[in-house]
Amino acid sequence: MKRLDGKTAFITGGARGIGAALATGFAAEGARVVIADIDLAKAQETAASLGESALAVRCDVRDRASIGAALAETARAFGGTDILVNNAARHQVEFNKPPTRLSEDQWRTILDTNIMGVVNCSTLVAEEMRKRGGGVILNITSVAGYEVDTGYGVTKTAVRGLTLSLAQDLAEDGIRVVSIAPGLIDSETVMAELPREVTDMFINERQLIKRQGRTADIVGPALMLCSDEGAFITGETLLVGGGYGKRV
């Protein structure tokens, strides 16, 4: 028996990067996966690569009506949602600036997507999970949330806080809430924007494991947290960053 047999996972930002890697890993462990993304064409491409166990839906995490429609489509296809992965986020270099150097529009963009997206999806999915007897919410945060020197880092610190708050809020409903904070991962967006000298510095000076993080490195921890193997874990954030920030 596979770890996620009979489960349905709804993955926001699932069309590419970490989201797509999680969809592939979850499907391999028996889950039906929903690729929920604002880019429907790319979501359909990713879902097609996974076969009949995958569904692509358009989903804008800033808009509760859009999320509700995507969850309704999921229910029609697979019966409901057992696992929510809050992965969708804006994390381009333009948001990695000190708070006072971001424009109001830039702040609105990352607050509405990175924080309110988690609140919106979790609130709507929790309503369904209560009726189904429970579930798991996995939030994807970042090592940037441990430094908080950029606007992006502030939003990812907030996601860690939301993980703990939601875990307390939803515990009586049988819903576990956990998060993973990836380090420097070779997702398409990150690799397209960061100069080689920046990634080399991060790997060689800030990590203990001297290699580039891979999207596949996030899959194993996510499977543990979202399966029965993680049944006694809630409210926790697991840092998966090659030893980032660890010093004796």
C-alpha atoms as a PDB file:
ATOM      1  CA  MET A   1       0.000   0.000   0.000  1.00  0.00           C
ATOM      2  CA  LYS A   2       1.287   3.439  -0.903  1.00  0.00           C
ATOM      3  CA  ARG A   3       1.461   6.298   1.619  1.00  0.00           C
ATOM      4  CA  LEU A   4      -1.235   8.466   0.045  1.00  0.00           C
ATOM      5  CA  ASP A   5      -3.589   5.849  -1.388  1.00  0.00           C
ATOM      6  CA  GLY A   6      -7.149   7.180  -1.531  1.00  0.00           C
ATOM      7  CA  LYS A   7      -6.121  10.783  -0.809  1.00  0.00           C
ATOM      8  CA  THR A   8      -6.650  13.864  -2.954  1.00  0.00           C
ATOM      9  CA  ALA A   9      -4.058  16.650  -2.801  1.00  0.00           C
ATOM     10  CA  PHE A  10      -4.892  20.183  -3.964  1.00  0.00           C
ATOM     11  CA  ILE A  11      -1.599  21.947  -4.785  1.00  0.00           C
ATOM     12  CA  THR A  12      -1.609  25.685  -5.451  1.00  0.00           C
ATOM     13  CA  GLY A  13       1.093  26.927  -7.782  1.00  0.00           C
ATOM     14  CA  GLY A  14       1.341  23.311  -8.870  1.00  0.00           C
ATOM     15  CA  ALA A  15       2.155  23.892 -12.519  1.00  0.00           C
ATOM     16  CA  ARG A  16       5.910  24.276 -12.113  1.00  0.00           C
ATOM     17  CA  GLY A  17       8.816  24.261  -9.676  1.00  0.00           C
ATOM     18  CA  ILE A  18       8.306  22.890  -6.172  1.00  0.00           C
ATOM     19  CA  GLY A  19       4.553  22.551  -6.770  1.00  0.00           C
ATOM     20  CA  ALA A  20       5.034  20.329  -9.811  1.00  0.00           C
ATOM     21  CA  ALA A  21       7.639  18.234  -7.992  1.00  0.00           C
ATOM     22  CA  LEU A  22       5.216  17.699  -5.105  1.00  0.00           C
ATOM     23  CA  ALA A  23       2.429  16.752  -7.511  1.00  0.00           C
ATOM     24  CA  THR A  24       4.687  14.164  -9.142  1.00  0.00           C
ATOM     25  CA  GLY A  25       5.836  12.759  -5.805  1.00  0.00           C
ATOM     26  CA  PHE A  26       2.340  12.627  -4.335  1.00  0.00           C
ATOM     27  CA  ALA A  27       0.948  10.913  -7.435  1.00  0.00           C
ATOM     28  CA  ALA A  28       3.720   8.311  -7.236  1.00  0.00           C
ATOM     29  CA  GLU A  29       2.556   7.562  -3.670  1.00  0.00           C
ATOM     30  CA  GLY A  30      -1.026   6.921  -4.739  1.00  0.00           C
ATOM     31  CA  ALA A  31      -2.643  10.353  -4.423  1.00  0.00           C
ATOM     32  CA  ARG A  32      -4.988  11.989  -6.868  1.00  0.00           C
ATOM     33  CA  VAL A  33      -3.464  15.416  -7.453  1.00  0.00           C
ATOM     34  CA  VAL A  34      -5.050  18.709  -8.447  1.00  0.00           C
ATOM     35  CA  ILE A  35      -2.734  21.143 -10.193  1.00  0.00           C
ATOM     36  CA  ALA A  36      -4.256  24.472  -9.145  1.00  0.00           C
ATOM     37  CA  ASP A  37      -2.565  27.380 -10.861  1.00  0.00           C
ATOM     38  CA  ILE A  38      -3.324  30.793 -12.301  1.00  0.00           C
ATOM     39  CA  ASP A  39      -1.606  29.568 -15.506  1.00  0.00           C
ATOM     40  CA  LEU A  40      -4.137  26.986 -16.665  1.00  0.00           C
ATOM     41  CA  ALA A  41      -2.238  26.015 -19.825  1.00  0.00           C
ATOM     42  CA  LYS A  42       0.887  25.115 -17.853  1.00  0.00           C
ATOM     43  CA  ALA A  43      -1.234  23.354 -15.213  1.00  0.00           C
ATOM     44  CA  GLN A  44      -2.828  21.239 -17.948  1.00  0.00           C
ATOM     45  CA  GLU A  45       0.602  20.354 -19.297  1.00  0.00           C
ATOM     46  CA  THR A  46       1.791  19.230 -15.863  1.00  0.00           C
ATOM     47  CA  ALA A  47      -1.404  17.280 -15.182  1.00  0.00           C
ATOM     48  CA  ALA A  48      -1.184  15.541 -18.561  1.00  0.00           C
ATOM     49  CA  SER A  49       2.279  14.258 -17.653  1.00  0.00           C
ATOM     50  CA  LEU A  50       0.792  12.536 -14.586  1.00  0.00           C
ATOM     51  CA  GLY A  51      -2.105  10.778 -16.298  1.00  0.00           C
ATOM     52  CA  GLU A  52      -5.655  10.159 -15.113  1.00  0.00           C
ATOM     53  CA  SER A  53      -4.795  10.657 -11.446  1.00  0.00           C
ATOM     54  CA  ALA A  54      -4.226  14.393 -12.057  1.00  0.00           C
ATOM     55  CA  LEU A  55      -6.595  17.292 -12.728  1.00  0.00           C
ATOM     56  CA  ALA A  56      -5.703  20.847 -13.802  1.00  0.00           C
ATOM     57  CA  VAL A  57      -7.820  23.748 -12.537  1.00  0.00           C
ATOM     58  CA  ARG A  58      -7.406  27.493 -12.817  1.00  0.00           C
ATOM     59  CA  CYS A  59      -7.057  29.028  -9.369  1.00  0.00           C
ATOM     60  CA  ASP A  60      -6.173  32.559  -8.287  1.00  0.00           C
ATOM     61  CA  VAL A  61      -5.400  32.326  -4.561  1.00  0.00           C
ATOM     62  CA  ARG A  62      -6.173  36.031  -4.113  1.00  0.00           C
ATOM     63  CA  ASP A  63      -9.814  35.416  -5.057  1.00  0.00           C
ATOM     64  CA  ARG A  64     -12.068  33.245  -2.866  1.00  0.00           C
ATOM     65  CA  ALA A  65     -14.573  32.792  -5.687  1.00  0.00           C
ATOM     66  CA  SER A  66     -11.813  31.357  -7.877  1.00  0.00           C
ATOM     67  CA  ILE A  67     -10.679  29.032  -5.091  1.00  0.00           C
ATOM     68  CA  GLY A  68     -14.248  27.926  -4.417  1.00  0.00           C
ATOM     69  CA  ALA A  69     -14.799  27.087  -8.080  1.00  0.00           C
ATOM     70  CA  ALA A  70     -11.552  25.087  -8.189  1.00  0.00           C
ATOM     71  CA  LEU A  71     -12.497  23.148  -5.050  1.00  0.00           C
ATOM     72  CA  ALA A  72     -15.950  22.422  -6.469  1.00  0.00           C
ATOM     73  CA  GLU A  73     -14.353  21.061  -9.641  1.00  0.00           C
ATOM     74  CA  THR A  74     -12.062  18.935  -7.476  1.00  0.00           C
ATOM     75  CA  ALA A  75     -15.051  17.554  -5.561  1.00  0.00           C
ATOM     76  CA  ARG A  76     -16.829  16.635  -8.787  1.00  0.00           C
ATOM     77  CA  ALA A  77     -13.784  14.827 -10.120  1.00  0.00           C
ATOM     78  CA  PHE A  78     -12.340  13.212  -6.992  1.00  0.00           C
ATOM     79  CA  GLY A  79     -14.917  13.577  -4.222  1.00  0.00           C
ATOM     80  CA  GLY A  80     -13.132  16.238  -2.162  1.00  0.00           C
ATOM     81  CA  THR A  81      -9.797  17.428  -0.791  1.00  0.00           C
ATOM     82  CA  ASP A  82      -7.754  15.629   1.872  1.00  0.00           C
ATOM     83  CA  ILE A  83      -4.467  17.531   1.556  1.00  0.00           C
ATOM     84  CA  LEU A  84      -3.981  21.202   0.757  1.00  0.00           C
ATOM     85  CA  VAL A  85      -0.532  22.433  -0.250  1.00  0.00           C
ATOM     86  CA  ASN A  86      -0.277  26.222  -0.040  1.00  0.00           C
ATOM     87  CA  ASN A  87       2.613  26.643  -2.453  1.00  0.00           C
ATOM     88  CA  ALA A  88       1.550  29.560  -4.682  1.00  0.00           C
ATOM     89  CA  ALA A  89       3.618  32.681  -3.988  1.00  0.00           C
ATOM     90  CA  ARG A  90       5.315  35.635  -5.600  1.00  0.00           C
ATOM     91  CA  HIS A  91       9.044  35.499  -4.952  1.00  0.00           C
ATOM     92  CA  GLN A  92      10.827  37.332  -7.720  1.00  0.00           C
ATOM     93  CA  VAL A  93      13.975  39.322  -7.009  1.00  0.00           C
ATOM     94  CA  GLU A  94      11.932  42.544  -7.165  1.00  0.00           C
ATOM     95  CA  PHE A  95      10.365  41.661  -3.788  1.00  0.00           C
ATOM     96  CA  ASN A  96      13.686  40.874  -2.112  1.00  0.00           C
ATOM     97  CA  LYS A  97      14.253  44.432  -0.969  1.00  0.00           C
ATOM     98  CA  PRO A  98      14.058  46.120   2.444  1.00  0.00           C
ATOM     99  CA  PRO A  99      10.435  46.921   3.386  1.00  0.00           C
ATOM    100  CA  THR A 100      10.685  50.678   2.831  1.00  0.00           C
ATOM    101  CA  ARG A 101      12.058  50.178  -0.681  1.00  0.00           C
ATOM    102  CA  LEU A 102       9.010  48.324  -1.949  1.00  0.00           C
ATOM    103  CA  SER A 103       6.214  50.291  -3.558  1.00  0.00           C
ATOM    104  CA  GLU A 104       2.659  50.067  -2.278  1.00  0.00           C
ATOM    105  CA  ASP A 105       1.719  48.011  -5.346  1.00  0.00           C
ATOM    106  CA  GLN A 106       4.588  45.592  -4.701  1.00  0.00           C
ATOM    107  CA  TRP A 107       3.499  45.206  -1.077  1.00  0.00           C
ATOM    108  CA  ARG A 108      -0.104  44.567  -2.140  1.00  0.00           C
ATOM    109  CA  THR A 109       1.071  41.916  -4.588  1.00  0.00           C
ATOM    110  CA  ILE A 110       3.037  39.870  -2.074  1.00  0.00           C
ATOM    111  CA  LEU A 111       0.627  40.396   0.826  1.00  0.00           C
ATOM    112  CA  ASP A 112      -2.390  39.352  -1.249  1.00  0.00           C
ATOM    113  CA  THR A 113      -0.655  36.298  -2.731  1.00  0.00           C
ATOM    114  CA  ASN A 114       1.830  35.077  -0.130  1.00  0.00           C
ATOM    115  CA  ILE A 115      -0.243  35.695   2.999  1.00  0.00           C
ATOM    116  CA  MET A 116      -3.883  36.142   2.049  1.00  0.00           C
ATOM    117  CA  GLY A 117      -3.555  33.302  -0.458  1.00  0.00           C
ATOM    118  CA  VAL A 118      -2.751  30.958   2.438  1.00  0.00           C
ATOM    119  CA  VAL A 119      -5.589  32.385   4.540  1.00  0.00           C
ATOM    120  CA  ASN A 120      -8.108  32.151   1.678  1.00  0.00           C
ATOM    121  CA  CYS A 121      -7.276  28.602   0.638  1.00  0.00           C
ATOM    122  CA  SER A 122      -6.984  27.293   4.184  1.00  0.00           C
ATOM    123  CA  THR A 123     -10.298  28.841   5.244  1.00  0.00           C
ATOM    124  CA  LEU A 124     -12.238  27.367   2.329  1.00  0.00           C
ATOM    125  CA  VAL A 125     -10.565  23.959   2.414  1.00  0.00           C
ATOM    126  CA  ALA A 126     -11.043  23.698   6.192  1.00  0.00           C
ATOM    127  CA  GLU A 127     -14.814  23.951   5.705  1.00  0.00           C
ATOM    128  CA  GLU A 128     -14.682  20.896   3.464  1.00  0.00           C
ATOM    129  CA  MET A 129     -12.164  18.977   5.581  1.00  0.00           C
ATOM    130  CA  ARG A 130     -14.370  19.350   8.659  1.00  0.00           C
ATOM    131  CA  LYS A 131     -17.153  17.502   6.841  1.00  0.00           C
ATOM    132  CA  ARG A 132     -14.693  14.804   5.736  1.00  0.00           C
ATOM    133  CA  GLY A 133     -13.384  14.204   9.262  1.00  0.00           C
ATOM    134  CA  GLY A 134     -10.047  15.992   8.932  1.00  0.00           C
ATOM    135  CA  GLY A 135      -7.082  16.495   6.660  1.00  0.00           C
ATOM    136  CA  VAL A 136      -3.661  18.081   6.306  1.00  0.00           C
ATOM    137  CA  ILE A 137      -2.621  21.585   5.277  1.00  0.00           C
ATOM    138  CA  LEU A 138       1.017  21.980   4.199  1.00  0.00           C
ATOM    139  CA  ASN A 139       2.343  25.522   3.819  1.00  0.00           C
ATOM    140  CA  ILE A 140       5.483  26.243   1.817  1.00  0.00           C
ATOM    141  CA  THR A 141       7.432  29.062   3.429  1.00  0.00           C
ATOM    142  CA  SER A 142      11.166  29.877   2.961  1.00  0.00           C
ATOM    143  CA  VAL A 143      14.515  30.286   4.676  1.00  0.00           C
ATOM    144  CA  ALA A 144      13.990  33.982   3.896  1.00  0.00           C
ATOM    145  CA  GLY A 145      11.429  33.954   6.696  1.00  0.00           C
ATOM    146  CA  TYR A 146      14.236  33.469   9.223  1.00  0.00           C
ATOM    147  CA  GLU A 147      16.009  36.720   8.338  1.00  0.00           C
ATOM    148  CA  VAL A 148      13.131  39.115   7.676  1.00  0.00           C
ATOM    149  CA  ASP A 149      15.280  41.756   5.986  1.00  0.00           C
ATOM    150  CA  THR A 150      13.121  41.896   2.846  1.00  0.00           C
ATOM    151  CA  GLY A 151       9.446  42.308   2.078  1.00  0.00           C
ATOM    152  CA  TYR A 152       9.378  38.752   0.755  1.00  0.00           C
ATOM    153  CA  GLY A 153      10.971  37.502   3.991  1.00  0.00           C
ATOM    154  CA  VAL A 154       8.304  39.288   6.026  1.00  0.00           C
ATOM    155  CA  THR A 155       5.552  37.423   4.158  1.00  0.00           C
ATOM    156  CA  LYS A 156       7.258  34.089   4.692  1.00  0.00           C
ATOM    157  CA  THR A 157       7.669  34.784   8.403  1.00  0.00           C
ATOM    158  CA  ALA A 158       3.934  35.408   8.452  1.00  0.00           C
ATOM    159  CA  VAL A 159       3.330  32.001   6.847  1.00  0.00           C
ATOM    160  CA  ARG A 160       5.249  30.350   9.681  1.00  0.00           C
ATOM    161  CA  GLY A 161       3.016  32.216  12.124  1.00  0.00           C
ATOM    162  CA  LEU A 162      -0.090  31.188  10.203  1.00  0.00           C
ATOM    163  CA  THR A 163       1.033  27.561  10.375  1.00  0.00           C
ATOM    164  CA  LEU A 164       1.032  27.652  14.165  1.00  0.00           C
ATOM    165  CA  SER A 165      -2.148  29.712  14.422  1.00  0.00           C
ATOM    166  CA  LEU A 166      -4.085  27.526  11.974  1.00  0.00           C
ATOM    167  CA  ALA A 167      -2.836  24.375  13.720  1.00  0.00           C
ATOM    168  CA  GLN A 168      -4.342  25.640  16.970  1.00  0.00           C
ATOM    169  CA  ASP A 169      -7.532  26.793  15.273  1.00  0.00           C
ATOM    170  CA  LEU A 170      -8.194  23.572  13.367  1.00  0.00           C
ATOM    171  CA  ALA A 171      -6.928  20.889  15.759  1.00  0.00           C
ATOM    172  CA  GLU A 172     -10.398  20.032  17.072  1.00  0.00           C
ATOM    173  CA  ASP A 173     -11.524  19.411  13.491  1.00  0.00           C
ATOM    174  CA  GLY A 174      -8.842  16.769  12.955  1.00  0.00           C
ATOM    175  CA  ILE A 175      -6.872  19.015  10.623  1.00  0.00           C
ATOM    176  CA  ARG A 176      -3.099  19.090  10.986  1.00  0.00           C
ATOM    177  CA  VAL A 177      -1.225  22.171   9.726  1.00  0.00           C
ATOM    178  CA  VAL A 178       2.506  21.995   9.013  1.00  0.00           C
ATOM    179  CA  SER A 179       5.026  23.816   6.878  1.00  0.00           C
ATOM    180  CA  ILE A 180       8.328  23.393   5.071  1.00  0.00           C
ATOM    181  CA  ALA A 181      10.857  26.201   4.673  1.00  0.00           C
ATOM    182  CA  PRO A 182      12.955  25.411   1.586  1.00  0.00           C
ATOM    183  CA  GLY A 183      16.419  26.855   1.137  1.00  0.00           C
ATOM    184  CA  LEU A 184      17.986  27.688  -2.217  1.00  0.00           C
ATOM    185  CA  ILE A 185      16.091  25.355  -4.566  1.00  0.00           C
ATOM    186  CA  ASP A 186      16.637  24.982  -8.314  1.00  0.00           C
ATOM    187  CA  SER A 187      13.119  26.031  -9.318  1.00  0.00           C
ATOM    188  CA  GLU A 188      12.687  27.648 -12.726  1.00  0.00           C
ATOM    189  CA  THR A 189      11.957  31.123 -11.384  1.00  0.00           C
ATOM    190  CA  VAL A 190      14.869  31.231  -8.956  1.00  0.00           C
ATOM    191  CA  MET A 191      17.403  29.928 -11.452  1.00  0.00           C
ATOM    192  CA  ALA A 192      16.235  32.369 -14.107  1.00  0.00           C
ATOM    193  CA  GLU A 193      16.717  35.379 -11.842  1.00  0.00           C
ATOM    194  CA  LEU A 194      19.687  34.747  -9.548  1.00  0.00           C
ATOM    195  CA  PRO A 195      23.199  35.324 -10.925  1.00  0.00           C
ATOM    196  CA  ARG A 196      25.568  32.379 -10.615  1.00  0.00           C
ATOM    197  CA  GLU A 197      27.811  34.277  -8.181  1.00  0.00           C
ATOM    198  CA  VAL A 198      24.861  34.727  -5.820  1.00  0.00           C
ATOM    199  CA  THR A 199      23.909  31.043  -5.822  1.00  0.00           C
ATOM    200  CA  ASP A 200      27.574  30.041  -5.407  1.00  0.00           C
ATOM    201  CA  MET A 201      27.920  32.362  -2.409  1.00  0.00           C
ATOM    202  CA  PHE A 202      24.770  30.977  -0.797  1.00  0.00           C
ATOM    203  CA  ILE A 203      25.855  27.370  -1.275  1.00  0.00           C
ATOM    204  CA  ASN A 204      29.479  27.789  -0.231  1.00  0.00           C
ATOM    205  CA  GLU A 205      29.125  30.321   2.581  1.00  0.00           C
ATOM    206  CA  ARG A 206      25.651  29.829   4.068  1.00  0.00           C
ATOM    207  CA  GLN A 207      24.933  26.103   3.741  1.00  0.00           C
ATOM    208  CA  LEU A 208      26.589  23.145   5.413  1.00  0.00           C
ATOM    209  CA  ILE A 209      25.728  20.824   2.519  1.00  0.00           C
ATOM    210  CA  LYS A 210      27.669  22.271  -0.403  1.00  0.00           C
ATOM    211  CA  ARG A 211      25.330  21.655  -3.305  1.00  0.00           C
ATOM    212  CA  GLN A 212      22.343  23.232  -4.954  1.00  0.00           C
ATOM    213  CA  GLY A 213      19.005  22.306  -3.410  1.00  0.00           C
ATOM    214  CA  ARG A 214      16.659  20.449  -5.752  1.00  0.00           C
ATOM    215  CA  THR A 215      12.886  20.476  -5.971  1.00  0.00           C
ATOM    216  CA  ALA A 216      13.073  16.723  -5.295  1.00  0.00           C
ATOM    217  CA  ASP A 217      14.613  17.500  -1.889  1.00  0.00           C
ATOM    218  CA  ILE A 218      11.267  18.911  -0.760  1.00  0.00           C
ATOM    219  CA  VAL A 219       9.219  15.883  -1.804  1.00  0.00           C
ATOM    220  CA  GLY A 220      10.365  13.383   0.842  1.00  0.00           C
ATOM    221  CA  PRO A 221       9.747  15.695   3.818  1.00  0.00           C
ATOM    222  CA  ALA A 222       6.380  16.710   2.358  1.00  0.00           C
ATOM    223  CA  LEU A 223       5.296  13.084   1.989  1.00  0.00           C
ATOM    224  CA  MET A 224       6.249  12.369   5.583  1.00  0.00           C
ATOM    225  CA  LEU A 225       4.360  15.390   6.910  1.00  0.00           C
ATOM    226  CA  CYS A 226       1.229  14.774   4.809  1.00  0.00           C
ATOM    227  CA  SER A 227       0.970  11.014   5.377  1.00  0.00           C
ATOM    228  CA  ASP A 228       0.291   8.926   8.464  1.00  0.00           C
ATOM    229  CA  GLU A 229       4.026   9.036   9.156  1.00  0.00           C
ATOM    230  CA  GLY A 230       3.497  12.604  10.332  1.00  0.00           C
ATOM    231  CA  ALA A 231       0.295  11.950  12.243  1.00  0.00           C
ATOM    232  CA  PHE A 232       1.711  13.310  15.528  1.00  0.00           C
ATOM    233  CA  ILE A 233       3.107  16.511  13.988  1.00  0.00           C
ATOM    234  CA  THR A 234       1.230  19.805  13.742  1.00  0.00           C
ATOM    235  CA  GLY A 235       2.100  23.489  14.034  1.00  0.00           C
ATOM    236  CA  GLU A 236       5.715  22.797  13.061  1.00  0.00           C
ATOM    237  CA  THR A 237       7.936  24.270  10.335  1.00  0.00           C
ATOM    238  CA  LEU A 238      10.663  22.017   8.940  1.00  0.00           C
ATOM    239  CA  LEU A 239      13.677  23.858   7.528  1.00  0.00           C
ATOM    240  CA  VAL A 240      14.985  22.049   4.436  1.00  0.00           C
ATOM    241  CA  GLY A 241      17.957  24.178   3.475  1.00  0.00           C
ATOM    242  CA  GLY A 242      21.134  22.154   3.476  1.00  0.00           C
ATOM    243  CA  GLY A 243      22.043  23.305   6.964  1.00  0.00           C
ATOM    244  CA  TYR A 244      21.417  26.956   6.171  1.00  0.00           C
ATOM    245  CA  GLY A 245      22.152  29.164   9.164  1.00  0.00           C
ATOM    246  CA  LYS A 246      23.372  26.294  11.368  1.00  0.00           C
ATOM    247  CA  ARG A 247      26.535  27.026  13.298  1.00  0.00           C
ATOM    248  CA  VAL A 248      27.961  25.355  16.407  1.00  0.00           C
END
